[in-house]
Structure formats: structure tokens, C-alpha cells
Amino acid sequence: MSAHSVLKSLLRTEKGTRDLSRGKYLFAVSPRANKIEIKKAVESVYKVKVRSVNTAVVPGKLKRVRVQIGHTPEWKKAVVTLKQGQKIDLA
């Protein structure tokens, strides 16, 4: 997988913003990507050194529009912790 197909987007959430001071960044990633691929992708795209990667699969939610019932898709997120002194420029 290429680095850009592994990383879908950098998540800008309230919880993610709170963890920025500790060097943690949230990413939406490909459901097929493993921790090693995510680490290599972040290091190559953002030119930083990664200390650790934690992943979680977020289950889809049940949604209803009038009578029709459906789901939102499940997706995978990764919490990437950078080494001391490393930073991703968000601007």
C-alpha cells in the first residue's frame, strides 16, 4: 500500500486537540492497514519520527430515515505518538 492510501485524513476532534500537547495525533486510516504500515506512512508523509501507534476499529452506527434503516460504515482510527521534540505542522 502507498502512504497516501494508508492515511485517509488527519482527524481534528476535541479529544485529538487535547492530546496534541502530548505529541499524539489522530488519523483515519485504511481498515486493512496494520500498525507498521501506518508508522511508515506517517514518517514518510510528515517527515517525523513515530514512537508508537495504537489502533481501534470504530463500529458503524445504526441510522434511520423515516422507515428505512441503515448503518454508517465502520472505520479504523489510529493514535500516533511522536518521539520527543517531533511535531506535525497543522497549518
Protein backbone atom coordinates (compact mmCIF):
# COMPACT_ATOMS: atom_id res chain seq x y z
CA MET A 1 0.00 0.00 0.00
CA SER A 2 1.18 3.52 -0.70
CA ALA A 3 1.47 6.04 2.14
CA HIS A 4 -1.43 8.12 0.83
CA SER A 5 -3.73 5.11 0.55
CA VAL A 6 -2.97 4.13 4.17
CA LEU A 7 -3.67 7.58 5.65
CA LYS A 8 -7.13 8.86 4.80
CA SER A 9 -7.21 12.03 6.89
CA LEU A 10 -5.88 13.76 9.98
CA LEU A 11 -8.77 13.96 12.46
CA ARG A 12 -9.43 17.35 14.04
CA THR A 13 -11.60 16.48 17.04
CA GLU A 14 -11.92 17.90 20.52
CA LYS A 15 -10.21 14.87 22.06
CA GLY A 16 -7.50 14.92 19.40
CA THR A 17 -6.80 18.61 20.01
CA ARG A 18 -6.43 17.96 23.73
CA ASP A 19 -3.78 15.27 23.08
CA LEU A 20 -1.68 17.45 20.74
CA SER A 21 0.33 18.81 23.68
CA ARG A 22 1.45 15.22 24.45
CA GLY A 23 2.55 14.60 20.86
CA LYS A 24 -0.45 12.43 19.92
CA TYR A 25 -2.24 12.79 16.58
CA LEU A 26 -5.43 11.08 15.39
CA PHE A 27 -5.74 9.69 11.87
CA ALA A 28 -8.50 7.94 9.95
CA VAL A 29 -6.70 5.07 8.23
CA SER A 30 -7.45 2.26 5.81
CA PRO A 31 -9.19 -0.67 7.53
CA ARG A 32 -6.62 -3.05 6.02
CA ALA A 33 -3.56 -1.13 7.29
CA ASN A 34 -1.56 -2.52 10.20
CA LYS A 35 0.50 -0.58 12.76
CA ILE A 36 3.77 -0.99 10.87
CA GLU A 37 2.27 0.37 7.63
CA ILE A 38 0.70 3.28 9.50
CA LYS A 39 4.02 4.15 11.16
CA LYS A 40 5.91 4.10 7.85
CA ALA A 41 3.20 6.18 6.14
CA VAL A 42 3.22 8.91 8.82
CA GLU A 43 7.03 9.05 8.82
CA SER A 44 7.24 9.36 5.04
CA VAL A 45 4.38 11.86 4.54
CA TYR A 46 5.06 14.18 7.51
CA LYS A 47 8.86 13.64 7.89
CA VAL A 48 8.69 12.90 11.63
CA LYS A 49 9.76 10.02 13.88
CA VAL A 50 6.96 7.89 15.38
CA ARG A 51 7.28 6.36 18.83
CA SER A 52 4.09 4.25 18.90
CA VAL A 53 0.83 3.56 17.07
CA ASN A 54 -2.44 2.47 18.69
CA THR A 55 -5.39 1.48 16.51
CA ALA A 56 -9.12 0.94 17.03
CA VAL A 57 -11.96 -0.07 14.75
CA VAL A 58 -14.91 2.29 15.26
CA PRO A 59 -18.17 0.40 14.69
CA GLY A 60 -20.82 1.86 12.39
CA LYS A 61 -23.91 3.38 13.93
CA LEU A 62 -27.48 2.41 13.18
CA LYS A 63 -29.24 5.24 11.36
CA ARG A 64 -32.88 5.62 10.44
CA VAL A 65 -34.51 7.95 7.93
CA ARG A 66 -38.28 7.68 8.26
CA VAL A 67 -39.00 3.99 7.68
CA GLN A 68 -35.70 2.99 6.11
CA ILE A 69 -33.00 1.62 8.40
CA GLY A 70 -29.29 1.63 7.55
CA HIS A 71 -25.79 1.94 9.02
CA THR A 72 -22.85 4.25 8.77
CA PRO A 73 -19.74 2.32 7.73
CA GLU A 74 -17.24 1.11 10.31
CA TRP A 75 -13.80 2.71 10.06
CA LYS A 76 -10.38 2.46 11.62
CA LYS A 77 -8.61 5.17 13.58
CA ALA A 78 -5.01 5.38 14.70
CA VAL A 79 -3.49 7.34 17.57
CA VAL A 80 0.09 8.12 16.56
CA THR A 81 2.51 9.19 19.29
CA LEU A 82 5.58 11.05 18.06
CA LYS A 83 9.04 10.97 19.61
CA GLN A 84 10.06 13.78 21.98
CA GLY A 85 10.57 17.09 20.17
CA GLN A 86 8.77 15.99 16.97
CA LYS A 87 5.73 17.91 15.71
CA ILE A 88 3.35 17.85 12.73
CA ASP A 89 2.60 21.31 11.34
CA LEU A 90 -1.20 21.58 11.17
CA ALA A 91 -1.37 24.97 9.48
